PDB file of N, CA and C in Angstrom:
ATOM      1  N   UNK A   1      91.504 106.998  39.989  1.00  0.00           N
ATOM      2  CA  UNK A   1      92.367 108.071  40.432  1.00  0.00           C
ATOM      3  C   UNK A   1      92.344 109.201  39.417  1.00  0.00           C
ATOM      4  N   UNK A   2      92.420 110.381  39.916  1.00  0.00           N
ATOM      5  CA  UNK A   2      92.457 111.519  39.005  1.00  0.00           C
ATOM      6  C   UNK A   2      93.905 111.915  38.734  1.00  0.00           C
ATOM      7  N   UNK A   3      94.126 112.304  37.516  1.00  0.00           N
ATOM      8  CA  UNK A   3      95.476 112.730  37.153  1.00  0.00           C
ATOM      9  C   UNK A   3      95.566 114.234  37.258  1.00  0.00           C
ATOM     10  N   UNK A   4      96.633 114.686  37.850  1.00  0.00           N
ATOM     11  CA  UNK A   4      96.855 116.127  37.941  1.00  0.00           C
ATOM     12  C   UNK A   4      97.942 116.509  36.977  1.00  0.00           C
ATOM     13  N   UNK A   5      97.748 117.598  36.305  1.00  0.00           N
ATOM     14  CA  UNK A   5      98.766 118.046  35.356  1.00  0.00           C
ATOM     15  C   UNK A   5      99.842 118.820  36.093  1.00  0.00           C
ATOM     16  N   UNK A   6     101.039 118.685  35.603  1.00  0.00           N
ATOM     17  CA  UNK A   6     102.167 119.385  36.211  1.00  0.00           C
ATOM     18  C   UNK A   6     102.190 120.817  35.707  1.00  0.00           C
ATOM     19  N   UNK A   7     102.073 121.737  36.617  1.00  0.00           N
ATOM     20  CA  UNK A   7     102.138 123.149  36.231  1.00  0.00           C
ATOM     21  C   UNK A   7     103.414 123.756  36.777  1.00  0.00           C
ATOM     22  N   UNK A   8     104.029 124.592  35.986  1.00  0.00           N
ATOM     23  CA  UNK A   8     105.251 125.250  36.421  1.00  0.00           C
ATOM     24  C   UNK A   8     104.895 126.453  37.277  1.00  0.00           C
ATOM     25  N   UNK A   9     105.634 126.606  38.356  1.00  0.00           N
ATOM     26  CA  UNK A   9     105.375 127.748  39.216  1.00  0.00           C
ATOM     27  C   UNK A   9     106.006 128.997  38.604  1.00  0.00           C
ATOM     28  N   UNK A  10     105.396 130.115  38.871  1.00  0.00           N
ATOM     29  CA  UNK A  10     105.926 131.374  38.354  1.00  0.00           C
ATOM     30  C   UNK A  10     107.211 131.700  39.091  1.00  0.00           C
ATOM     31  N   UNK A  11     108.233 132.083  38.347  1.00  0.00           N
ATOM     32  CA  UNK A  11     109.508 132.394  38.979  1.00  0.00           C
ATOM     33  C   UNK A  11     109.482 133.814  39.532  1.00  0.00           C
ATOM     34  N   UNK A  12     110.322 134.028  40.491  1.00  0.00           N
ATOM     35  CA  UNK A  12     110.420 135.348  41.095  1.00  0.00           C
ATOM     36  C   UNK A  12     111.162 136.296  40.168  1.00  0.00           C
ATOM     37  N   UNK A  13     110.899 137.588  40.285  1.00  0.00           N
ATOM     38  CA  UNK A  13     111.651 138.553  39.469  1.00  0.00           C
ATOM     39  C   UNK A  13     113.123 138.577  39.888  1.00  0.00           C
ATOM     40  N   UNK A  14     113.959 139.058  39.000  1.00  0.00           N
ATOM     41  CA  UNK A  14     115.405 139.012  39.244  1.00  0.00           C
ATOM     42  C   UNK A  14     115.817 139.849  40.451  1.00  0.00           C
ATOM     43  N   UNK A  15     115.095 140.942  40.748  1.00  0.00           N
ATOM     44  CA  UNK A  15     115.492 141.739  41.906  1.00  0.00           C
ATOM     45  C   UNK A  15     115.300 140.965  43.208  1.00  0.00           C
ATOM     46  N   UNK A  16     114.399 139.994  43.243  1.00  0.00           N
ATOM     47  CA  UNK A  16     114.208 139.185  44.447  1.00  0.00           C
ATOM     48  C   UNK A  16     115.430 138.300  44.693  1.00  0.00           C
ATOM     49  N   UNK A  17     116.000 137.746  43.625  1.00  0.00           N
ATOM     50  CA  UNK A  17     117.197 136.929  43.775  1.00  0.00           C
ATOM     51  C   UNK A  17     118.402 137.786  44.174  1.00  0.00           C
ATOM     52  N   UNK A  18     118.493 138.977  43.618  1.00  0.00           N
ATOM     53  CA  UNK A  18     119.584 139.883  43.989  1.00  0.00           C
ATOM     54  C   UNK A  18     119.445 140.296  45.444  1.00  0.00           C
ATOM     55  N   UNK A  19     118.220 140.600  45.875  1.00  0.00           N
ATOM     56  CA  UNK A  19     117.986 140.984  47.266  1.00  0.00           C
ATOM     57  C   UNK A  19     118.328 139.828  48.204  1.00  0.00           C
ATOM     58  N   UNK A  20     117.957 138.613  47.844  1.00  0.00           N
ATOM     59  CA  UNK A  20     118.280 137.450  48.676  1.00  0.00           C
ATOM     60  C   UNK A  20     119.791 137.265  48.778  1.00  0.00           C
ATOM     61  N   UNK A  21     120.494 137.439  47.669  1.00  0.00           N
ATOM     62  CA  UNK A  21     121.950 137.315  47.675  1.00  0.00           C
ATOM     63  C   UNK A  21     122.581 138.361  48.589  1.00  0.00           C
ATOM     64  N   UNK A  22     122.136 139.608  48.472  1.00  0.00           N
ATOM     65  CA  UNK A  22     122.707 140.691  49.275  1.00  0.00           C
ATOM     66  C   UNK A  22     122.404 140.481  50.753  1.00  0.00           C
ATOM     67  N   UNK A  23     121.177 140.068  51.075  1.00  0.00           N
ATOM     68  CA  UNK A  23     120.821 139.841  52.478  1.00  0.00           C
ATOM     69  C   UNK A  23     121.649 138.717  53.075  1.00  0.00           C
ATOM     70  N   UNK A  24     121.794 137.604  52.356  1.00  0.00           N
ATOM     71  CA  UNK A  24     122.613 136.502  52.854  1.00  0.00           C
ATOM     72  C   UNK A  24     124.082 136.907  52.977  1.00  0.00           C
ATOM     73  N   UNK A  25     124.562 137.721  52.052  1.00  0.00           N
ATOM     74  CA  UNK A  25     125.941 138.196  52.111  1.00  0.00           C
ATOM     75  C   UNK A  25     126.156 139.084  53.336  1.00  0.00           C
ATOM     76  N   UNK A  26     125.199 139.949  53.631  1.00  0.00           N
ATOM     77  CA  UNK A  26     125.299 140.825  54.808  1.00  0.00           C
ATOM     78  C   UNK A  26     125.252 139.996  56.096  1.00  0.00           C
ATOM     79  N   UNK A  27     124.393 138.982  56.137  1.00  0.00           N
ATOM     80  CA  UNK A  27     124.341 138.108  57.313  1.00  0.00           C
ATOM     81  C   UNK A  27     125.678 137.422  57.532  1.00  0.00           C
ATOM     82  N   UNK A  28     126.307 136.960  56.447  1.00  0.00           N
ATOM     83  CA  UNK A  28     127.640 136.352  56.570  1.00  0.00           C
ATOM     84  C   UNK A  28     128.660 137.357  57.094  1.00  0.00           C
ATOM     85  N   UNK A  29     128.610 138.572  56.588  1.00  0.00           N
ATOM     86  CA  UNK A  29     129.587 139.585  56.990  1.00  0.00           C
ATOM     87  C   UNK A  29     129.417 139.983  58.452  1.00  0.00           C
ATOM     88  N   UNK A  30     128.179 140.058  58.925  1.00  0.00           N
ATOM     89  CA  UNK A  30     127.934 140.531  60.289  1.00  0.00           C
ATOM     90  C   UNK A  30     128.176 139.428  61.315  1.00  0.00           C
ATOM     91  N   UNK A  31     127.684 138.223  61.047  1.00  0.00           N
ATOM     92  CA  UNK A  31     127.693 137.189  62.069  1.00  0.00           C
ATOM     93  C   UNK A  31     128.802 136.152  61.907  1.00  0.00           C
ATOM     94  N   UNK A  32     129.497 136.147  60.811  1.00  0.00           N
ATOM     95  CA  UNK A  32     130.517 135.128  60.601  1.00  0.00           C
ATOM     96  C   UNK A  32     131.917 135.633  60.903  1.00  0.00           C
ATOM     97  N   UNK A  33     132.791 134.708  61.293  1.00  0.00           N
ATOM     98  CA  UNK A  33     134.189 135.082  61.409  1.00  0.00           C
ATOM     99  C   UNK A  33     134.819 135.036  60.016  1.00  0.00           C
ATOM    100  N   UNK A  34     136.108 135.271  59.909  1.00  0.00           N
ATOM    101  CA  UNK A  34     136.737 135.380  58.600  1.00  0.00           C
ATOM    102  C   UNK A  34     136.646 134.080  57.806  1.00  0.00           C
ATOM    103  N   UNK A  35     136.915 132.958  58.457  1.00  0.00           N
ATOM    104  CA  UNK A  35     136.864 131.662  57.773  1.00  0.00           C
ATOM    105  C   UNK A  35     135.458 131.361  57.259  1.00  0.00           C
ATOM    106  N   UNK A  36     134.462 131.580  58.121  1.00  0.00           N
ATOM    107  CA  UNK A  36     133.074 131.348  57.730  1.00  0.00           C
ATOM    108  C   UNK A  36     132.661 132.308  56.623  1.00  0.00           C
ATOM    109  N   UNK A  37     133.119 133.539  56.697  1.00  0.00           N
ATOM    110  CA  UNK A  37     132.787 134.527  55.679  1.00  0.00           C
ATOM    111  C   UNK A  37     133.346 134.127  54.316  1.00  0.00           C
ATOM    112  N   UNK A  38     134.586 133.677  54.293  1.00  0.00           N
ATOM    113  CA  UNK A  38     135.217 133.292  53.027  1.00  0.00           C
ATOM    114  C   UNK A  38     134.538 132.066  52.433  1.00  0.00           C
ATOM    115  N   UNK A  39     134.364 131.013  53.235  1.00  0.00           N
ATOM    116  CA  UNK A  39     133.731 129.805  52.722  1.00  0.00           C
ATOM    117  C   UNK A  39     132.259 130.048  52.380  1.00  0.00           C
ATOM    118  N   UNK A  40     131.578 130.822  53.204  1.00  0.00           N
ATOM    119  CA  UNK A  40     130.173 131.126  52.939  1.00  0.00           C
ATOM    120  C   UNK A  40     129.992 131.939  51.674  1.00  0.00           C
ATOM    121  N   UNK A  41     130.885 132.890  51.447  1.00  0.00           N
ATOM    122  CA  UNK A  41     130.817 133.706  50.235  1.00  0.00           C
ATOM    123  C   UNK A  41     131.054 132.851  48.989  1.00  0.00           C
ATOM    124  N   UNK A  42     132.022 131.956  49.060  1.00  0.00           N
ATOM    125  CA  UNK A  42     132.273 131.065  47.929  1.00  0.00           C
ATOM    126  C   UNK A  42     131.052 130.184  47.677  1.00  0.00           C
ATOM    127  N   UNK A  43     130.486 129.613  48.732  1.00  0.00           N
ATOM    128  CA  UNK A  43     129.301 128.772  48.590  1.00  0.00           C
ATOM    129  C   UNK A  43     128.109 129.544  48.067  1.00  0.00           C
ATOM    130  N   UNK A  44     127.945 130.764  48.534  1.00  0.00           N
ATOM    131  CA  UNK A  44     126.836 131.606  48.090  1.00  0.00           C
ATOM    132  C   UNK A  44     126.963 131.937  46.605  1.00  0.00           C
ATOM    133  N   UNK A  45     128.162 132.285  46.184  1.00  0.00           N
ATOM    134  CA  UNK A  45     128.391 132.623  44.775  1.00  0.00           C
ATOM    135  C   UNK A  45     128.176 131.403  43.888  1.00  0.00           C
ATOM    136  N   UNK A  46     128.698 130.255  44.306  1.00  0.00           N
ATOM    137  CA  UNK A  46     128.542 129.035  43.502  1.00  0.00           C
ATOM    138  C   UNK A  46     127.070 128.651  43.398  1.00  0.00           C
ATOM    139  N   UNK A  47     126.343 128.755  44.512  1.00  0.00           N
ATOM    140  CA  UNK A  47     124.925 128.395  44.510  1.00  0.00           C
ATOM    141  C   UNK A  47     124.120 129.291  43.588  1.00  0.00           C
ATOM    142  N   UNK A  48     124.297 130.595  43.714  1.00  0.00           N
ATOM    143  CA  UNK A  48     123.535 131.512  42.875  1.00  0.00           C
ATOM    144  C   UNK A  48     123.980 131.443  41.419  1.00  0.00           C
ATOM    145  N   UNK A  49     125.256 131.206  41.163  1.00  0.00           N
ATOM    146  CA  UNK A  49     125.725 131.086  39.782  1.00  0.00           C
ATOM    147  C   UNK A  49     125.160 129.822  39.130  1.00  0.00           C
ATOM    148  N   UNK A  50     125.095 128.728  39.867  1.00  0.00           N
ATOM    149  CA  UNK A  50     124.531 127.496  39.315  1.00  0.00           C
ATOM    150  C   UNK A  50     123.050 127.665  39.023  1.00  0.00           C
ATOM    151  N   UNK A  51     122.338 128.334  39.917  1.00  0.00           N
ATOM    152  CA  UNK A  51     120.922 128.581  39.676  1.00  0.00           C
ATOM    153  C   UNK A  51     120.733 129.478  38.461  1.00  0.00           C
ATOM    154  N   UNK A  52     121.573 130.498  38.323  1.00  0.00           N
ATOM    155  CA  UNK A  52     121.445 131.410  37.183  1.00  0.00           C
ATOM    156  C   UNK A  52     121.726 130.694  35.870  1.00  0.00           C
ATOM    157  N   UNK A  53     122.743 129.855  35.850  1.00  0.00           N
ATOM    158  CA  UNK A  53     123.061 129.155  34.599  1.00  0.00           C
ATOM    159  C   UNK A  53     121.962 128.160  34.248  1.00  0.00           C
ATOM    160  N   UNK A  54     121.358 127.500  35.245  1.00  0.00           N
ATOM    161  CA  UNK A  54     120.236 126.595  34.973  1.00  0.00           C
ATOM    162  C   UNK A  54     119.041 127.368  34.450  1.00  0.00           C
ATOM    163  N   UNK A  55     118.750 128.501  35.054  1.00  0.00           N
ATOM    164  CA  UNK A  55     117.593 129.298  34.657  1.00  0.00           C
ATOM    165  C   UNK A  55     117.807 129.909  33.277  1.00  0.00           C
ATOM    166  N   UNK A  56     118.993 130.452  33.017  1.00  0.00           N
ATOM    167  CA  UNK A  56     119.241 131.070  31.715  1.00  0.00           C
ATOM    168  C   UNK A  56     119.300 130.020  30.615  1.00  0.00           C
ATOM    169  N   UNK A  57     119.772 128.832  30.941  1.00  0.00           N
ATOM    170  CA  UNK A  57     119.816 127.754  29.941  1.00  0.00           C
ATOM    171  C   UNK A  57     118.397 127.336  29.559  1.00  0.00           C
ATOM    172  N   UNK A  58     117.503 127.248  30.536  1.00  0.00           N
ATOM    173  CA  UNK A  58     116.127 126.864  30.249  1.00  0.00           C
ATOM    174  C   UNK A  58     115.398 127.939  29.460  1.00  0.00           C
ATOM    175  N   UNK A  59     115.725 129.205  29.675  1.00  0.00           N
ATOM    176  CA  UNK A  59     115.061 130.296  28.965  1.00  0.00           C
ATOM    177  C   UNK A  59     115.420 130.320  27.487  1.00  0.00           C
ATOM    178  N   UNK A  60     116.642 129.923  27.146  1.00  0.00           N
ATOM    179  CA  UNK A  60     117.072 129.999  25.755  1.00  0.00           C
ATOM    180  C   UNK A  60     116.592 128.826  24.921  1.00  0.00           C
ATOM    181  N   UNK A  61     116.234 127.729  25.564  1.00  0.00           N
ATOM    182  CA  UNK A  61     115.828 126.540  24.796  1.00  0.00           C
ATOM    183  C   UNK A  61     114.366 126.281  24.919  1.00  0.00           C
TER     184      UNK A  61
END
């Protein structure tokens, strides 16, 4: 069997993550009712904040 080395994929630039956040936020605002908008916004913020803290933690170490 041949061994393959693990290569890290290139990460997207920060404007791509900001654009994804804004697009998902707009979709929530347009198509969701108030309850869905509130819960979706909280989930969206928590998801992107967790990803940012994981990414920034890996960059510093």
